[in-house]
């Protein structure tokens, strides 16, 4: 998966792409799931499964679970 990080919050970039980041395992899982897509909007990462939004990740704010999904369960597991 390739996304344009130009307008992504720097805190979110660190959480996603650095190995010790809070969302890094989520990013790795997204790479292996062809049904997931992601778009940067308003400095946040919006994650979709088959065209339906499931999750919004922000740099400093808490993640917003829109729809129950396996990727959300992985995120909640990482946050504990």
Foldseek 3Di string as FASTA:
>chain_A
DDEDQPLADPLVCCLCPPPPHLCPVLNVVQVVDPQKDWYQDNNWIFIDGVNHTAWIGHRPDDIDGDHDDPSVVVSVVSVD
